[in-house]
Amino acid sequence: MQAAELIAEREKALSDRFALIDETSLFNQRKVLDAFREEMIALRHFAPSTGYGYGDEGRDALGRVYARAFGAERAIVSPALLSGTHALTVALFGLLKAGDAVLCITGTPYDTLRGVVWGEGNGSLKDYNIAFDFVELNADGKPDEPAVRAAFAQKPYKMVYIQRSRGYELRDAFTVAEIGKMCSFVRACGFAGDIFVDNCYGEFVEKQEPTEVGADVIVGSLIKNPGGGIAPTGGYIAGKEACILRIENRLTAPSVGGEVGSYAYGYQYYYQGLFLAPHTVAQALKGGLLIGACLDALGYENFPAADKMPADITRAVRFNTEEELTGFIQSVQECSPVDSFVRLEAWDMPGYDCKVIMAAGSFVQGASIELSADAPIRKPYTAYFQGGLTYEHCRIACEYILKRLLREAETA
């Protein structure tokens, strides 16, 4: 079967799921629009500020819009948060103190966070005598409730940590309903501390966010879902007011908290990105479903399975050889709008324990709401791709990918 025929066939088969994604996008668009209207956002909120940023209306209103959209009491939205990992780090250090302990109930955390929690001599949580324990997921890729209950019996934890997305693990992302069940379970175990969710890649995929089902704090990056492909940098931290106030003191200083923080380039792109985010996320979800379904038809295993609705914008695909893996990544690069001519090489990327190859021909460097793909060079050979600002771009990329794989299959 030719690439064009396969794509047309898979699109027809996916029509019902595409309709569900459109319904969610409409719901979330209305939610975001209502947040803008309720906060009476005006042109003055886009204005830049300098120095201390006292009385910065744009900064403060942006936080309130995010809080409304995410069903939270308060939110920090700041270009000073340089990445998802940085936002997570600021939030963790804002909530924890020496002698505290964290229990991650969703297995080993993402690669770049491991140095944050277990690094030695680098200012990690471990260096500050803050323990970070984790419980492996069970055979079904879900939290091991008996093991979690046993962990609570061994140590008085101050925080439960949940990672929504898969990272480089071969598991499905957790749905908001599953996160809500986790929150209810740990509360039923008598846990009274903070429930903290790494929400990266999950925003606007469903009609609710984890803050609406029991999480105290959620954290994410603006160059992923909520920036809508427009925000040039930044991150957000949202949740219970008492938690966010403490984190504001870590972001700046305990004496000033959230009262300071300027941005000399203005906030238009942050507001505009959030407004576009529900639609942009829907485009990425449809694109990921199409590419995954086509690869599944060729015999490549998908995570999540090609017949399931995704719970975030990422998808993992397992390949047979390193050559197939790197060829897939190269195909994504070749149909990118930026640096399409670049020949990719695996490299020792900061925060990872092996070489990583990454396709990121994006307008914003490293923006994974834009169509991108990466893979650690290790067995099993698994590529992780995400994003796509438009479904049309994802469809074109799918053609590139299929033609390469079909051509290589013919010559094998």
Protein backbone atom coordinates (compact mmCIF):
# COMPACT_ATOMS: atom_id res chain seq x y z
CA MET A 1 0.00 0.00 0.00
CA GLN A 2 1.25 3.49 -0.86
CA ALA A 3 1.65 6.20 1.80
CA ALA A 4 -1.24 8.33 0.50
CA GLU A 5 -3.64 5.37 0.49
CA LEU A 6 -2.67 4.34 4.00
CA ILE A 7 -3.13 7.88 5.33
CA ALA A 8 -6.58 8.21 3.73
CA GLU A 9 -7.64 4.85 5.15
CA ARG A 10 -6.44 5.70 8.67
CA GLU A 11 -8.05 9.15 8.60
CA LYS A 12 -11.41 7.57 7.85
CA ALA A 13 -10.98 5.06 10.68
CA LEU A 14 -10.03 7.86 13.12
CA SER A 15 -13.02 10.12 12.37
CA ASP A 16 -14.89 9.30 15.59
CA ARG A 17 -11.86 10.02 17.74
CA PHE A 18 -11.17 13.22 15.84
CA ALA A 19 -14.73 14.32 16.63
CA LEU A 20 -14.18 13.67 20.35
CA ILE A 21 -11.00 15.76 20.24
CA ASP A 22 -12.88 18.60 18.54
CA GLU A 23 -15.56 18.46 21.24
CA THR A 24 -12.94 18.72 23.99
CA SER A 25 -11.23 21.57 22.15
CA LEU A 26 -14.49 23.51 21.97
CA PHE A 27 -15.12 22.97 25.68
CA ASN A 28 -11.62 24.14 26.60
CA GLN A 29 -11.74 27.09 24.22
CA ARG A 30 -14.90 28.30 25.95
CA LYS A 31 -13.25 27.81 29.34
CA VAL A 32 -10.20 29.87 28.34
CA LEU A 33 -12.33 32.56 26.69
CA ASP A 34 -14.44 32.84 29.84
CA ALA A 35 -11.26 33.27 31.92
CA PHE A 36 -10.15 36.16 29.68
CA ARG A 37 -13.56 37.81 29.88
CA GLU A 38 -13.92 37.36 33.64
CA GLU A 39 -10.53 38.99 34.21
CA MET A 40 -11.43 41.77 31.72
CA ILE A 41 -8.18 41.42 29.80
CA ALA A 42 -7.35 44.61 27.89
CA LEU A 43 -4.52 45.90 25.71
CA ARG A 44 -2.82 47.42 28.75
CA HIS A 45 -2.13 43.91 30.07
CA PHE A 46 0.24 43.28 27.16
CA ALA A 47 2.49 46.22 28.09
CA PRO A 48 6.12 45.58 29.13
CA SER A 49 7.52 46.40 32.54
CA THR A 50 11.02 46.98 33.84
CA GLY A 51 12.98 46.94 37.05
CA TYR A 52 11.18 45.49 40.05
CA GLY A 53 7.90 45.21 38.18
CA TYR A 54 5.84 46.68 41.01
CA GLY A 55 2.21 46.97 39.96
CA ASP A 56 2.76 44.93 36.78
CA GLU A 57 -0.86 44.39 35.74
CA GLY A 58 0.03 42.14 32.84
CA ARG A 59 1.98 39.70 35.01
CA ASP A 60 -0.65 39.56 37.74
CA ALA A 61 -3.65 39.22 35.40
CA LEU A 62 -1.91 36.49 33.42
CA GLY A 63 -1.57 34.45 36.59
CA ARG A 64 -5.25 34.94 37.37
CA VAL A 65 -6.32 33.88 33.86
CA TYR A 66 -4.28 30.69 34.15
CA ALA A 67 -5.70 29.98 37.59
CA ARG A 68 -9.26 30.29 36.26
CA ALA A 69 -8.55 28.16 33.20
CA PHE A 70 -6.98 25.42 35.34
CA GLY A 71 -9.53 25.49 38.15
CA ALA A 72 -6.84 26.65 40.59
CA GLU A 73 -6.81 29.27 43.33
CA ARG A 74 -3.61 30.99 42.24
CA ALA A 75 -0.94 30.67 39.55
CA ILE A 76 2.55 31.83 38.71
CA VAL A 77 3.16 32.37 34.99
CA SER A 78 6.63 33.66 34.29
CA PRO A 79 9.24 33.94 31.54
CA ALA A 80 11.77 33.56 34.37
CA LEU A 81 10.82 29.87 34.52
CA LEU A 82 13.13 28.62 31.81
CA SER A 83 11.75 25.13 31.19
CA GLY A 84 9.48 22.50 32.62
CA THR A 85 12.36 21.09 34.66
CA HIS A 86 13.14 24.54 36.04
CA ALA A 87 9.51 25.17 36.96
CA LEU A 88 9.35 21.79 38.72
CA THR A 89 12.57 22.57 40.58
CA VAL A 90 11.37 25.98 41.78
CA ALA A 91 8.07 24.48 42.94
CA LEU A 92 9.74 21.58 44.78
CA PHE A 93 12.20 23.83 46.60
CA GLY A 94 9.37 26.24 47.40
CA LEU A 95 7.32 23.58 49.14
CA LEU A 96 9.99 21.42 50.79
CA LYS A 97 12.55 21.98 53.52
CA ALA A 98 15.44 20.00 54.98
CA GLY A 99 14.30 16.74 56.52
CA ASP A 100 11.17 16.43 54.37
CA ALA A 101 10.47 13.40 52.21
CA VAL A 102 8.69 12.99 48.86
CA LEU A 103 7.04 9.83 47.54
CA CYS A 104 6.66 9.53 43.76
CA ILE A 105 3.88 7.01 43.10
CA THR A 106 4.30 6.87 39.30
CA GLY A 107 7.68 5.18 39.01
CA THR A 108 11.04 6.72 38.20
CA PRO A 109 10.77 10.41 37.30
CA TYR A 110 11.81 11.85 33.95
CA ASP A 111 15.54 11.87 33.15
CA THR A 112 16.18 15.60 33.58
CA LEU A 113 14.57 15.58 37.04
CA ARG A 114 16.85 12.86 38.40
CA GLY A 115 19.75 15.24 38.86
CA VAL A 116 17.38 17.65 40.62
CA VAL A 117 16.32 15.09 43.21
CA TRP A 118 19.30 12.72 43.53
CA GLY A 119 22.30 14.71 42.29
CA GLU A 120 25.32 15.05 44.53
CA GLY A 121 27.11 18.34 45.07
CA ASN A 122 24.93 20.19 42.56
CA GLY A 123 22.34 21.77 44.87
CA SER A 124 19.85 18.89 44.54
CA LEU A 125 17.10 17.95 46.96
CA LYS A 126 19.43 15.25 48.26
CA ASP A 127 22.11 17.86 48.99
CA TYR A 128 19.55 19.67 51.16
CA ASN A 129 18.62 16.49 53.04
CA ILE A 130 15.27 16.13 51.26
CA ALA A 131 14.47 12.50 50.45
CA PHE A 132 12.82 11.56 47.17
CA ASP A 133 11.56 7.97 47.09
CA PHE A 134 9.55 6.28 44.37
CA VAL A 135 7.33 3.23 43.95
CA GLU A 136 7.53 1.33 40.68
CA LEU A 137 4.32 0.96 38.69
CA ASN A 138 2.65 -2.43 38.63
CA ALA A 139 2.59 -4.80 35.66
CA ASP A 140 -0.33 -2.88 34.14
CA GLY A 141 1.56 0.42 34.22
CA LYS A 142 -0.57 1.78 37.07
CA PRO A 143 0.31 2.86 40.62
CA ASP A 144 1.03 -0.13 42.87
CA GLU A 145 -1.45 0.68 45.65
CA PRO A 146 -0.27 -1.97 48.15
CA ALA A 147 3.34 -0.79 47.72
CA VAL A 148 2.29 2.85 48.13
CA ARG A 149 0.35 2.02 51.29
CA ALA A 150 3.37 0.14 52.63
CA ALA A 151 5.63 3.14 51.88
CA PHE A 152 3.35 5.44 53.89
CA ALA A 153 3.70 3.06 56.83
CA GLN A 154 7.48 3.40 56.72
CA LYS A 155 7.97 7.18 56.55
CA PRO A 156 6.04 10.43 57.17
CA TYR A 157 5.97 11.92 53.66
CA LYS A 158 5.32 15.63 53.12
CA MET A 159 4.60 15.36 49.39
CA VAL A 160 3.19 12.86 46.91
CA TYR A 161 4.61 13.37 43.42
CA ILE A 162 2.77 12.29 40.25
CA GLN A 163 4.23 12.43 36.73
CA ARG A 164 1.39 12.61 34.22
CA SER A 165 3.34 11.94 31.04
CA ARG A 166 5.46 8.88 30.24
CA GLY A 167 8.86 10.53 29.88
CA TYR A 168 11.12 7.87 28.36
CA GLU A 169 9.13 5.03 29.95
CA LEU A 170 6.99 2.65 27.88
CA ARG A 171 3.72 3.36 29.62
CA ASP A 172 0.64 5.38 28.81
CA ALA A 173 0.23 8.87 30.17
CA PHE A 174 -2.24 9.06 33.04
CA THR A 175 -5.69 10.46 32.44
CA VAL A 176 -7.13 13.15 34.70
CA ALA A 177 -9.58 10.56 36.03
CA GLU A 178 -6.67 8.27 36.95
CA ILE A 179 -4.88 11.16 38.67
CA GLY A 180 -8.08 11.91 40.58
CA LYS A 181 -8.21 8.28 41.70
CA MET A 182 -4.57 8.54 42.86
CA CYS A 183 -5.39 11.67 44.86
CA SER A 184 -8.38 9.98 46.51
CA PHE A 185 -6.34 6.88 47.28
CA VAL A 186 -3.46 8.68 49.03
CA ARG A 187 -5.93 10.77 51.04
CA ALA A 188 -7.71 7.55 52.06
CA CYS A 189 -4.31 6.30 53.28
CA GLY A 190 -4.22 9.27 55.66
CA PHE A 191 -1.78 11.38 53.66
CA ALA A 192 -2.27 15.05 54.56
CA GLY A 193 0.59 16.71 52.68
CA ASP A 194 0.81 18.28 49.24
CA ILE A 195 -0.13 16.35 46.08
CA PHE A 196 2.14 17.60 43.30
CA VAL A 197 1.61 16.83 39.59
CA ASP A 198 4.08 17.26 36.75
CA ASN A 199 1.43 18.24 34.19
CA CYS A 200 3.75 18.65 31.18
CA TYR A 201 2.24 17.58 27.83
CA GLY A 202 -1.22 17.11 29.35
CA GLU A 203 -2.82 20.56 29.45
CA PHE A 204 -6.11 20.87 27.50
CA VAL A 205 -6.02 17.25 26.35
CA GLU A 206 -9.09 16.63 28.50
CA LYS A 207 -11.85 18.83 29.87
CA GLN A 208 -10.35 18.95 33.37
CA GLU A 209 -6.90 19.53 34.84
CA PRO A 210 -5.47 17.69 37.87
CA THR A 211 -6.17 20.73 40.08
CA GLU A 212 -9.86 20.00 39.57
CA VAL A 213 -9.64 16.41 40.85
CA GLY A 214 -7.54 16.72 44.00
CA ALA A 215 -4.03 17.91 43.10
CA ASP A 216 -2.67 20.77 45.19
CA VAL A 217 -0.06 21.93 42.65
CA ILE A 218 0.42 21.40 38.90
CA VAL A 219 3.47 22.49 36.95
CA GLY A 220 4.22 22.81 33.24
CA SER A 221 6.14 24.53 30.47
CA LEU A 222 4.84 27.29 28.21
CA ILE A 223 6.74 25.92 25.21
CA LYS A 224 4.53 22.86 25.48
CA ASN A 225 0.71 22.82 25.44
CA PRO A 226 -0.38 26.00 27.25
CA GLY A 227 1.85 28.33 25.22
CA GLY A 228 -0.07 27.41 22.07
CA GLY A 229 3.10 27.55 19.97
CA ILE A 230 3.24 31.33 20.51
CA ALA A 231 4.86 31.77 23.93
CA PRO A 232 8.62 32.19 23.41
CA THR A 233 9.68 30.81 26.80
CA GLY A 234 8.40 30.39 30.34
CA GLY A 235 6.56 28.07 32.68
CA TYR A 236 3.59 28.00 35.03
CA ILE A 237 2.85 26.72 38.53
CA ALA A 238 -0.80 26.63 39.61
CA GLY A 239 -2.78 25.29 42.53
CA LYS A 240 -3.81 26.02 46.10
CA GLU A 241 -3.08 29.59 47.16
CA ALA A 242 -1.15 28.55 50.27
CA CYS A 243 1.19 26.45 48.14
CA ILE A 244 1.68 29.05 45.41
CA LEU A 245 2.47 31.79 47.93
CA ARG A 246 5.29 29.65 49.31
CA ILE A 247 6.61 28.93 45.83
CA GLU A 248 6.54 32.64 44.94
CA ASN A 249 8.98 33.19 47.80
CA ARG A 250 11.38 30.74 46.19
CA LEU A 251 10.92 32.16 42.69
CA THR A 252 11.95 35.60 43.93
CA ALA A 253 12.72 36.12 47.65
CA PRO A 254 10.80 35.56 50.89
CA SER A 255 10.63 39.31 51.53
CA VAL A 256 8.88 40.16 48.24
CA GLY A 257 7.24 36.98 46.86
CA GLY A 258 4.97 37.56 43.89
CA GLU A 259 5.04 41.36 44.17
CA VAL A 260 8.08 41.65 41.87
CA GLY A 261 9.10 40.41 38.46
CA SER A 262 9.23 42.46 35.29
CA TYR A 263 9.35 41.56 31.62
CA ALA A 264 10.64 44.18 29.23
CA TYR A 265 9.21 42.50 26.09
CA GLY A 266 5.55 42.51 27.02
CA TYR A 267 3.02 39.75 27.60
CA GLN A 268 1.01 39.58 24.38
CA TYR A 269 2.41 36.24 23.24
CA TYR A 270 1.72 34.64 26.62
CA TYR A 271 -1.94 35.66 26.54
CA GLN A 272 -2.32 34.89 22.86
CA GLY A 273 -0.63 31.51 23.26
CA LEU A 274 -2.98 30.50 26.05
CA PHE A 275 -5.96 31.58 23.96
CA LEU A 276 -4.80 29.41 21.05
CA ALA A 277 -3.76 26.45 23.22
CA PRO A 278 -7.01 24.40 23.17
CA HIS A 279 -7.06 24.42 19.35
CA THR A 280 -3.32 23.83 19.01
CA VAL A 281 -3.44 20.87 21.40
CA ALA A 282 -6.30 19.38 19.38
CA GLN A 283 -4.20 19.67 16.21
CA ALA A 284 -1.29 17.90 17.91
CA LEU A 285 -3.53 15.12 19.23
CA LYS A 286 -5.03 14.44 15.81
CA GLY A 287 -1.59 14.47 14.18
CA GLY A 288 -0.20 12.06 16.74
CA LEU A 289 -3.13 9.71 16.31
CA LEU A 290 -2.70 9.69 12.52
CA ILE A 291 1.04 9.03 12.59
CA GLY A 292 0.61 6.39 15.27
CA ALA A 293 -2.20 4.62 13.43
CA CYS A 294 -0.23 4.52 10.18
CA LEU A 295 2.87 3.14 11.90
CA ASP A 296 0.72 0.60 13.72
CA ALA A 297 -0.60 -0.56 10.34
CA LEU A 298 3.02 -1.20 9.32
CA GLY A 299 3.59 -3.32 12.42
CA TYR A 300 5.30 -0.83 14.73
CA GLU A 301 4.14 -0.96 18.36
CA ASN A 302 2.60 2.26 19.73
CA PHE A 303 2.34 3.63 23.26
CA PRO A 304 -0.50 4.34 23.82
CA ALA A 305 -1.92 1.61 21.62
CA ALA A 306 -3.19 2.96 18.31
CA ASP A 307 -6.80 2.14 19.21
CA LYS A 308 -6.80 4.22 22.43
CA MET A 309 -7.49 7.90 23.02
CA PRO A 310 -4.28 9.63 24.12
CA ALA A 311 -4.01 11.25 27.55
CA ASP A 312 -1.29 13.69 26.47
CA ILE A 313 0.30 14.92 23.24
CA THR A 314 3.22 12.47 23.26
CA ARG A 315 3.46 9.12 21.53
CA ALA A 316 6.13 6.43 21.70
CA VAL A 317 6.83 4.07 18.81
CA ARG A 318 9.14 1.08 19.05
CA PHE A 319 11.37 0.31 16.07
CA ASN A 320 13.29 -2.83 15.21
CA THR A 321 16.73 -1.30 14.62
CA GLU A 322 18.72 1.80 15.44
CA GLU A 323 18.66 2.65 11.72
CA GLU A 324 14.85 2.64 11.61
CA LEU A 325 14.75 4.75 14.76
CA THR A 326 17.16 7.41 13.52
CA GLY A 327 15.49 7.39 10.09
CA PHE A 328 12.16 8.22 11.70
CA ILE A 329 13.69 11.10 13.65
CA GLN A 330 15.45 12.37 10.51
CA SER A 331 12.15 12.31 8.57
CA VAL A 332 10.56 14.61 11.13
CA GLN A 333 13.50 17.00 10.81
CA GLU A 334 13.36 16.99 7.02
CA CYS A 335 9.75 18.15 6.93
CA SER A 336 10.22 20.83 9.59
CA PRO A 337 9.76 24.52 8.71
CA VAL A 338 13.10 25.42 10.32
CA ASP A 339 16.45 23.67 9.72
CA SER A 340 14.92 21.08 7.41
CA PHE A 341 18.32 20.64 5.75
CA VAL A 342 20.10 19.58 8.95
CA ARG A 343 21.54 16.08 9.18
CA LEU A 344 20.93 14.89 12.73
CA GLU A 345 23.50 13.24 15.00
CA ALA A 346 23.01 11.77 18.46
CA TRP A 347 24.74 13.76 21.20
CA ASP A 348 25.33 13.84 24.95
CA MET A 349 22.39 16.04 25.85
CA PRO A 350 22.50 17.64 29.35
CA GLY A 351 20.41 15.73 31.90
CA TYR A 352 20.39 12.37 30.08
CA ASP A 353 22.43 9.23 30.76
CA CYS A 354 22.94 8.23 27.12
CA LYS A 355 23.19 9.85 23.71
CA VAL A 356 19.95 11.39 22.44
CA ILE A 357 18.93 12.19 18.86
CA MET A 358 16.40 14.98 18.50
CA ALA A 359 14.41 16.47 15.64
CA ALA A 360 13.41 19.98 16.58
CA GLY A 361 12.99 22.16 13.51
CA SER A 362 10.81 24.55 15.46
CA PHE A 363 10.21 28.30 15.58
CA VAL A 364 10.82 28.26 19.36
CA GLN A 365 13.91 26.28 20.32
CA GLY A 366 12.92 22.98 21.91
CA ALA A 367 9.19 23.70 21.73
CA SER A 368 7.54 20.30 21.93
CA ILE A 369 4.07 21.65 21.12
CA GLU A 370 5.59 22.00 17.66
CA LEU A 371 6.10 18.75 15.78
CA SER A 372 9.26 17.24 17.20
CA ALA A 373 10.74 13.86 17.99
CA ASP A 374 13.55 12.50 20.08
CA ALA A 375 14.97 9.20 21.20
CA PRO A 376 17.63 7.87 23.54
CA ILE A 377 20.03 5.66 21.61
CA ARG A 378 19.46 2.48 23.59
CA LYS A 379 17.40 -0.69 23.38
CA PRO A 380 14.49 -1.09 22.95
CA TYR A 381 14.75 1.41 20.09
CA THR A 382 11.89 3.76 20.88
CA ALA A 383 11.12 7.17 19.39
CA TYR A 384 9.06 9.71 21.28
CA PHE A 385 7.25 12.33 19.26
CA GLN A 386 4.84 15.06 20.13
CA GLY A 387 3.27 18.25 18.95
CA GLY A 388 2.26 19.70 15.65
CA LEU A 389 0.92 23.25 15.42
CA THR A 390 -1.38 22.20 12.58
CA TYR A 391 -2.87 18.87 11.63
CA GLU A 392 -1.89 19.57 8.03
CA HIS A 393 1.78 19.70 8.99
CA CYS A 394 1.45 16.40 10.87
CA ARG A 395 -0.18 14.83 7.82
CA ILE A 396 2.65 15.95 5.56
CA ALA A 397 5.17 14.64 8.09
CA CYS A 398 3.33 11.34 8.10
CA GLU A 399 3.87 11.11 4.34
CA TYR A 400 7.61 11.70 4.77
CA ILE A 401 7.86 9.08 7.49
CA LEU A 402 5.87 6.43 5.64
CA LYS A 403 7.70 6.92 2.36
CA ARG A 404 11.05 6.46 4.10
CA LEU A 405 9.93 3.34 5.97
CA LEU A 406 8.23 1.82 2.92
CA ARG A 407 11.27 2.56 0.76
CA GLU A 408 13.58 0.99 3.31
CA ALA A 409 11.25 -2.03 3.59
CA GLU A 410 11.44 -2.52 -0.18
CA THR A 411 15.25 -2.48 -0.16
CA ALA A 412 15.66 -4.63 2.95
